[in-house]
Amino acid sequence: MQNLTPQGQQIVSDVASRYGVSTDAVSTLLSAINAGYGTQAQFNHFELGGMGQWSQGGMIMIGDMFNNGLKNMVSNMCNELSQALANNQMYQPAPQPAPFQPQSSQSQSQSNGFGSSFSTSGGMQGGSSWPAELGQPSSSGSQNNLRYAVFPSTRRLAIDNNGTVTVYDIGDHNIGGFSQQQGGDQSITFTSQYGLVRVADLPVVTLGQGKTEPAPQQQPVQQQPEPQQPAPQNPAAAPSNGGNSDEIFGLIEKLSSLHANGILTQAEYETKKAELLGRL
């Protein structure tokens, strides 16, 4: 497990104090969210109801599944820690740069259903070859021949594609998880408080000049209907009444996993499954 920065330790202690849980429980949850690119988590801690899963803007399931008070508390903690990861450097940089190739194979095995997710980490990993004027990244990741880093202090996002670095102005986006579309245009997207956003829609920054060159579609915040167009690809959008079939079948698969792991009884599994099928 990576070591927390002093700021990260302070945030963990504050969250633990406000929610009345141990710092170990908060650290476990933070590590799971960091491994889930800031938008999802799989965790197991007795103070959090045992084994559980969380998705940003979506479902929350814990082993103590009928304890709604605990379920809401864990959901609120997850949302807070996700924002903390996006806006702060929670983990200390690794003392030795780690090669990117092993990360690439790991990210391929953790596809999130709508594209391949980047392997991510808090702080600077995989080398320090980003332009110095960008500052210190809060998170970075890689996949195949692509890597990225987020620089909250300068509000910049850097993408390295086969050695060519492009820098974008992220404005007021609080960036969560990244993914790359498989097939088609293979566009890179990320989630923020505004939902799913294409990197290509951000303004491109010319280093050393402080000027921005508008991308073909600037200001995605005001033009939100377009990022919402691929609805099944939006992990941060709250499901509508009834949901859609892909969401429902995905939830049923997760229920099946919890049932197979002995977290749900047969009766609980059948009841929840019937509720989801009734929404189709």
Protein backbone atom coordinates (compact mmCIF):
# COMPACT_ATOMS: atom_id res chain seq x y z
CA MET A 1 0.00 0.00 0.00
CA GLN A 2 1.31 3.48 -0.87
CA ASN A 3 2.18 5.87 1.94
CA LEU A 4 -0.13 8.82 2.49
CA THR A 5 1.14 12.37 2.26
CA PRO A 6 0.70 14.58 5.35
CA GLN A 7 -2.30 16.13 3.61
CA GLY A 8 -3.68 12.67 2.86
CA GLN A 9 -3.23 11.62 6.50
CA GLN A 10 -5.07 14.74 7.65
CA ILE A 11 -7.99 14.07 5.29
CA VAL A 12 -8.21 10.42 6.39
CA SER A 13 -8.20 11.44 10.07
CA ASP A 14 -10.85 14.10 9.46
CA VAL A 15 -13.16 11.69 7.61
CA ALA A 16 -12.69 9.01 10.28
CA SER A 17 -13.52 11.49 13.05
CA ARG A 18 -16.64 12.85 11.35
CA TYR A 19 -18.06 9.43 10.49
CA GLY A 20 -17.07 7.74 13.74
CA VAL A 21 -14.93 4.99 12.19
CA SER A 22 -11.26 4.07 12.48
CA THR A 23 -8.57 5.52 10.22
CA ASP A 24 -7.88 1.94 9.09
CA ALA A 25 -11.42 1.71 7.70
CA VAL A 26 -11.05 5.03 5.87
CA SER A 27 -7.59 4.07 4.53
CA THR A 28 -8.99 0.76 3.25
CA LEU A 29 -11.80 2.58 1.46
CA LEU A 30 -9.44 5.23 0.05
CA SER A 31 -7.09 2.56 -1.33
CA ALA A 32 -10.00 0.74 -2.98
CA ILE A 33 -11.30 3.95 -4.61
CA ASN A 34 -7.80 4.84 -5.81
CA ALA A 35 -7.50 1.37 -7.38
CA GLY A 36 -10.91 1.93 -9.02
CA TYR A 37 -9.76 5.12 -10.80
CA GLY A 38 -11.74 7.31 -8.41
CA THR A 39 -15.13 6.15 -9.70
CA GLN A 40 -15.59 2.66 -8.28
CA ALA A 41 -14.33 0.47 -5.45
CA GLN A 42 -14.36 -3.07 -4.10
CA PHE A 43 -13.57 -3.24 -0.39
CA ASN A 44 -13.79 -5.50 2.65
CA HIS A 45 -13.75 -4.11 6.19
CA PHE A 46 -15.89 -5.09 9.17
CA GLU A 47 -16.62 -1.45 10.06
CA LEU A 48 -17.97 -0.88 6.53
CA GLY A 49 -20.40 -3.81 6.59
CA GLY A 50 -17.95 -6.43 5.36
CA MET A 51 -17.42 -6.98 1.65
CA GLY A 52 -18.92 -4.28 -0.57
CA GLN A 53 -18.91 -2.46 -3.89
CA TRP A 54 -19.44 1.20 -4.84
CA SER A 55 -19.84 3.00 -8.16
CA GLN A 56 -19.89 6.79 -8.44
CA GLY A 57 -23.39 8.01 -9.21
CA GLY A 58 -24.65 4.44 -9.16
CA MET A 59 -25.06 1.57 -6.75
CA ILE A 60 -23.67 0.87 -3.29
CA MET A 61 -23.74 -2.66 -1.86
CA ILE A 62 -22.36 -3.90 1.46
CA GLY A 63 -22.41 -7.28 3.15
CA ASP A 64 -24.82 -5.95 5.79
CA MET A 65 -27.19 -5.15 2.93
CA PHE A 66 -30.29 -4.32 5.00
CA ASN A 67 -28.46 -1.76 7.17
CA ASN A 68 -29.51 1.32 5.20
CA GLY A 69 -27.92 3.73 7.66
CA LEU A 70 -24.49 2.11 7.27
CA LYS A 71 -25.00 1.86 3.51
CA ASN A 72 -25.66 5.62 3.24
CA MET A 73 -22.67 6.40 5.44
CA VAL A 74 -20.32 4.29 3.30
CA SER A 75 -21.71 5.91 0.13
CA ASN A 76 -21.08 9.41 1.51
CA MET A 77 -17.56 8.45 2.57
CA CYS A 78 -16.84 7.09 -0.91
CA ASN A 79 -18.01 10.31 -2.56
CA GLU A 80 -15.87 12.44 -0.24
CA LEU A 81 -12.76 10.33 -0.74
CA SER A 82 -13.26 10.29 -4.52
CA GLN A 83 -13.29 14.10 -4.54
CA ALA A 84 -10.25 14.17 -2.25
CA LEU A 85 -8.30 11.96 -4.68
CA ALA A 86 -9.26 14.23 -7.60
CA ASN A 87 -8.28 17.47 -5.85
CA ASN A 88 -5.32 16.53 -3.65
CA GLN A 89 -2.12 14.52 -3.74
CA MET A 90 -3.14 11.85 -1.27
CA TYR A 91 -0.22 9.43 -1.77
CA GLN A 92 3.51 10.04 -1.69
CA PRO A 93 5.42 9.63 -4.98
CA ALA A 94 7.13 6.29 -5.40
CA PRO A 95 10.86 6.47 -4.55
CA GLN A 96 11.77 4.56 -7.72
CA PRO A 97 10.09 5.14 -11.09
CA ALA A 98 8.09 2.08 -12.04
CA PRO A 99 8.07 0.81 -15.65
CA PHE A 100 4.86 1.33 -17.58
CA GLN A 101 4.67 -2.01 -19.38
CA PRO A 102 3.44 -4.02 -16.36
CA GLN A 103 0.83 -1.34 -15.71
CA SER A 104 -0.40 -1.68 -19.28
CA SER A 105 -1.13 -5.38 -18.93
CA GLN A 106 -2.85 -4.76 -15.62
CA SER A 107 -5.16 -2.12 -17.04
CA GLN A 108 -6.23 -4.40 -19.89
CA SER A 109 -7.46 -6.96 -17.37
CA GLN A 110 -9.60 -4.36 -15.61
CA SER A 111 -11.94 -3.26 -18.36
CA ASN A 112 -14.93 -1.35 -17.01
CA GLY A 113 -17.45 -2.43 -19.63
CA PHE A 114 -17.34 0.53 -22.01
CA GLY A 115 -13.66 0.70 -22.85
CA SER A 116 -10.32 -0.13 -21.32
CA SER A 117 -9.49 1.74 -18.13
CA PHE A 118 -6.07 3.24 -17.46
CA SER A 119 -4.00 1.87 -14.61
CA THR A 120 -3.73 4.78 -12.19
CA SER A 121 -1.88 5.92 -9.11
CA GLY A 122 -1.78 8.90 -6.78
CA GLY A 123 1.18 11.18 -7.26
CA MET A 124 4.02 10.82 -9.76
CA GLN A 125 4.84 7.33 -11.00
CA GLY A 126 6.35 5.89 -14.13
CA GLY A 127 9.03 8.53 -14.53
CA SER A 128 9.19 12.32 -14.15
CA SER A 129 9.37 13.29 -17.83
CA TRP A 130 6.41 15.70 -17.75
CA PRO A 131 7.20 19.39 -18.41
CA ALA A 132 8.37 21.01 -15.16
CA GLU A 133 6.13 24.06 -15.59
CA LEU A 134 3.06 21.86 -15.11
CA GLY A 135 3.91 21.25 -11.46
CA GLN A 136 3.37 18.08 -9.44
CA PRO A 137 0.67 15.66 -10.67
CA SER A 138 -2.02 14.46 -8.28
CA SER A 139 -2.54 11.28 -10.31
CA SER A 140 -1.07 9.55 -13.35
CA GLY A 141 -1.66 6.39 -15.35
CA SER A 142 -0.91 4.49 -18.54
CA GLN A 143 -2.32 2.08 -21.09
CA ASN A 144 -0.40 0.61 -24.01
CA ASN A 145 1.34 3.55 -25.76
CA LEU A 146 -0.63 6.22 -23.87
CA ARG A 147 -0.05 7.79 -20.48
CA TYR A 148 -1.56 10.74 -18.68
CA ALA A 149 -1.07 12.96 -15.63
CA VAL A 150 -3.37 15.46 -13.90
CA PHE A 151 -1.89 18.69 -12.49
CA PRO A 152 -4.49 20.36 -10.22
CA SER A 153 -2.28 23.30 -9.20
CA THR A 154 -2.05 24.53 -12.82
CA ARG A 155 -5.41 23.03 -13.93
CA ARG A 156 -3.70 21.03 -16.66
CA LEU A 157 -3.99 17.52 -18.10
CA ALA A 158 -1.04 16.05 -20.03
CA ILE A 159 -1.43 13.16 -22.49
CA ASP A 160 1.66 11.38 -23.86
CA ASN A 161 0.87 9.43 -27.04
CA ASN A 162 3.94 7.58 -28.35
CA GLY A 163 6.25 10.30 -26.99
CA THR A 164 4.17 13.26 -28.21
CA VAL A 165 2.87 15.25 -25.23
CA THR A 166 -0.30 17.34 -25.56
CA VAL A 167 -1.40 19.57 -22.69
CA TYR A 168 -5.05 20.51 -22.05
CA ASP A 169 -6.76 23.11 -19.85
CA ILE A 170 -9.16 21.22 -17.52
CA GLY A 171 -10.91 24.36 -16.26
CA ASP A 172 -13.08 23.56 -13.24
CA HIS A 173 -13.30 19.81 -13.91
CA ASN A 174 -12.60 17.59 -10.89
CA ILE A 175 -11.21 14.64 -12.80
CA GLY A 176 -11.98 11.08 -11.73
CA GLY A 177 -11.32 7.93 -13.79
CA PHE A 178 -9.92 7.73 -17.32
CA SER A 179 -10.74 5.24 -20.07
CA GLN A 180 -10.02 4.69 -23.77
CA GLN A 181 -12.68 3.59 -26.23
CA GLN A 182 -11.94 0.27 -27.90
CA GLY A 183 -12.56 0.32 -31.63
CA GLY A 184 -13.89 3.31 -33.58
CA ASP A 185 -12.00 6.51 -32.87
CA GLN A 186 -10.40 5.12 -29.67
CA SER A 187 -11.11 8.48 -28.00
CA ILE A 188 -9.93 9.10 -24.43
CA THR A 189 -12.58 10.11 -21.89
CA PHE A 190 -12.69 10.94 -18.20
CA THR A 191 -15.36 11.46 -15.58
CA SER A 192 -15.85 14.65 -13.60
CA GLN A 193 -18.64 16.31 -11.64
CA TYR A 194 -20.24 17.03 -15.05
CA GLY A 195 -20.31 13.40 -16.17
CA LEU A 196 -18.38 11.81 -19.05
CA VAL A 197 -16.10 14.21 -20.95
CA ARG A 198 -13.96 13.64 -24.05
CA VAL A 199 -10.38 14.85 -23.73
CA ALA A 200 -10.60 16.07 -27.35
CA ASP A 201 -13.24 18.61 -26.24
CA LEU A 202 -10.82 20.40 -23.89
CA PRO A 203 -8.80 23.48 -24.97
CA VAL A 204 -5.21 22.68 -25.98
CA VAL A 205 -2.50 24.63 -24.15
CA THR A 206 0.74 25.83 -25.75
CA LEU A 207 3.45 25.49 -23.11
CA GLY A 208 5.48 28.59 -22.36
CA GLN A 209 2.87 30.97 -23.75
CA GLY A 210 0.00 30.48 -21.33
CA LYS A 211 -2.43 30.69 -24.24
CA THR A 212 -5.04 28.17 -25.21
CA GLU A 213 -6.07 27.04 -28.65
CA PRO A 214 -9.75 26.11 -28.75
CA ALA A 215 -10.42 22.50 -29.57
CA PRO A 216 -13.17 21.78 -32.16
CA GLN A 217 -15.74 21.63 -29.34
CA GLN A 218 -14.82 23.98 -26.53
CA GLN A 219 -16.45 24.38 -23.13
CA PRO A 220 -18.00 20.91 -22.69
CA VAL A 221 -19.64 22.12 -19.48
CA GLN A 222 -22.08 24.39 -21.37
CA GLN A 223 -22.56 21.79 -24.11
CA GLN A 224 -23.33 18.94 -21.76
CA PRO A 225 -25.94 17.17 -23.98
CA GLU A 226 -23.18 15.87 -26.28
CA PRO A 227 -21.13 14.09 -23.54
CA GLN A 228 -24.40 12.56 -22.34
CA GLN A 229 -25.13 11.07 -25.77
CA PRO A 230 -23.39 7.69 -25.12
CA ALA A 231 -25.56 7.08 -22.06
CA PRO A 232 -24.31 3.51 -21.30
CA GLN A 233 -20.77 4.94 -21.09
CA ASN A 234 -21.55 7.41 -18.26
CA PRO A 235 -20.55 5.91 -14.90
CA ALA A 236 -21.22 9.18 -13.07
CA ALA A 237 -24.82 9.65 -14.29
CA ALA A 238 -27.54 8.61 -11.88
CA PRO A 239 -29.80 5.91 -13.35
CA SER A 240 -33.26 7.04 -14.48
CA ASN A 241 -36.43 5.48 -13.12
CA GLY A 242 -36.47 1.97 -14.41
CA GLY A 243 -32.88 2.21 -15.65
CA ASN A 244 -31.78 0.71 -18.95
CA SER A 245 -31.23 -2.92 -19.72
CA ASP A 246 -27.40 -2.75 -19.73
CA GLU A 247 -27.35 -1.17 -16.26
CA ILE A 248 -29.84 -3.66 -14.88
CA PHE A 249 -28.04 -6.71 -16.27
CA GLY A 250 -24.78 -5.32 -14.88
CA LEU A 251 -26.34 -5.02 -11.43
CA ILE A 252 -27.70 -8.56 -11.69
CA GLU A 253 -24.18 -9.83 -12.50
CA LYS A 254 -22.83 -8.09 -9.40
CA LEU A 255 -25.64 -9.57 -7.29
CA SER A 256 -24.71 -12.98 -8.67
CA SER A 257 -21.09 -12.39 -7.65
CA LEU A 258 -22.12 -11.46 -4.12
CA HIS A 259 -24.36 -14.53 -3.97
CA ALA A 260 -21.56 -16.77 -5.23
CA ASN A 261 -19.22 -15.38 -2.57
CA GLY A 262 -21.74 -16.19 0.15
CA ILE A 263 -22.57 -12.56 0.96
CA LEU A 264 -26.21 -12.90 -0.14
CA THR A 265 -28.51 -15.75 0.80
CA GLN A 266 -30.53 -17.46 -1.91
CA ALA A 267 -33.69 -15.69 -0.77
CA GLU A 268 -32.01 -12.28 -0.71
CA TYR A 269 -30.51 -12.87 -4.12
CA GLU A 270 -33.84 -13.92 -5.67
CA THR A 271 -35.66 -10.93 -4.12
CA LYS A 272 -33.15 -8.37 -5.38
CA LYS A 273 -32.96 -10.04 -8.78
CA ALA A 274 -36.75 -9.94 -9.12
CA GLU A 275 -36.76 -6.24 -8.23
CA LEU A 276 -34.20 -5.48 -10.94
CA LEU A 277 -35.98 -7.59 -13.56
CA GLY A 278 -39.18 -5.77 -12.73
CA ARG A 279 -37.54 -2.52 -13.87
CA LEU A 280 -37.01 -3.78 -17.42
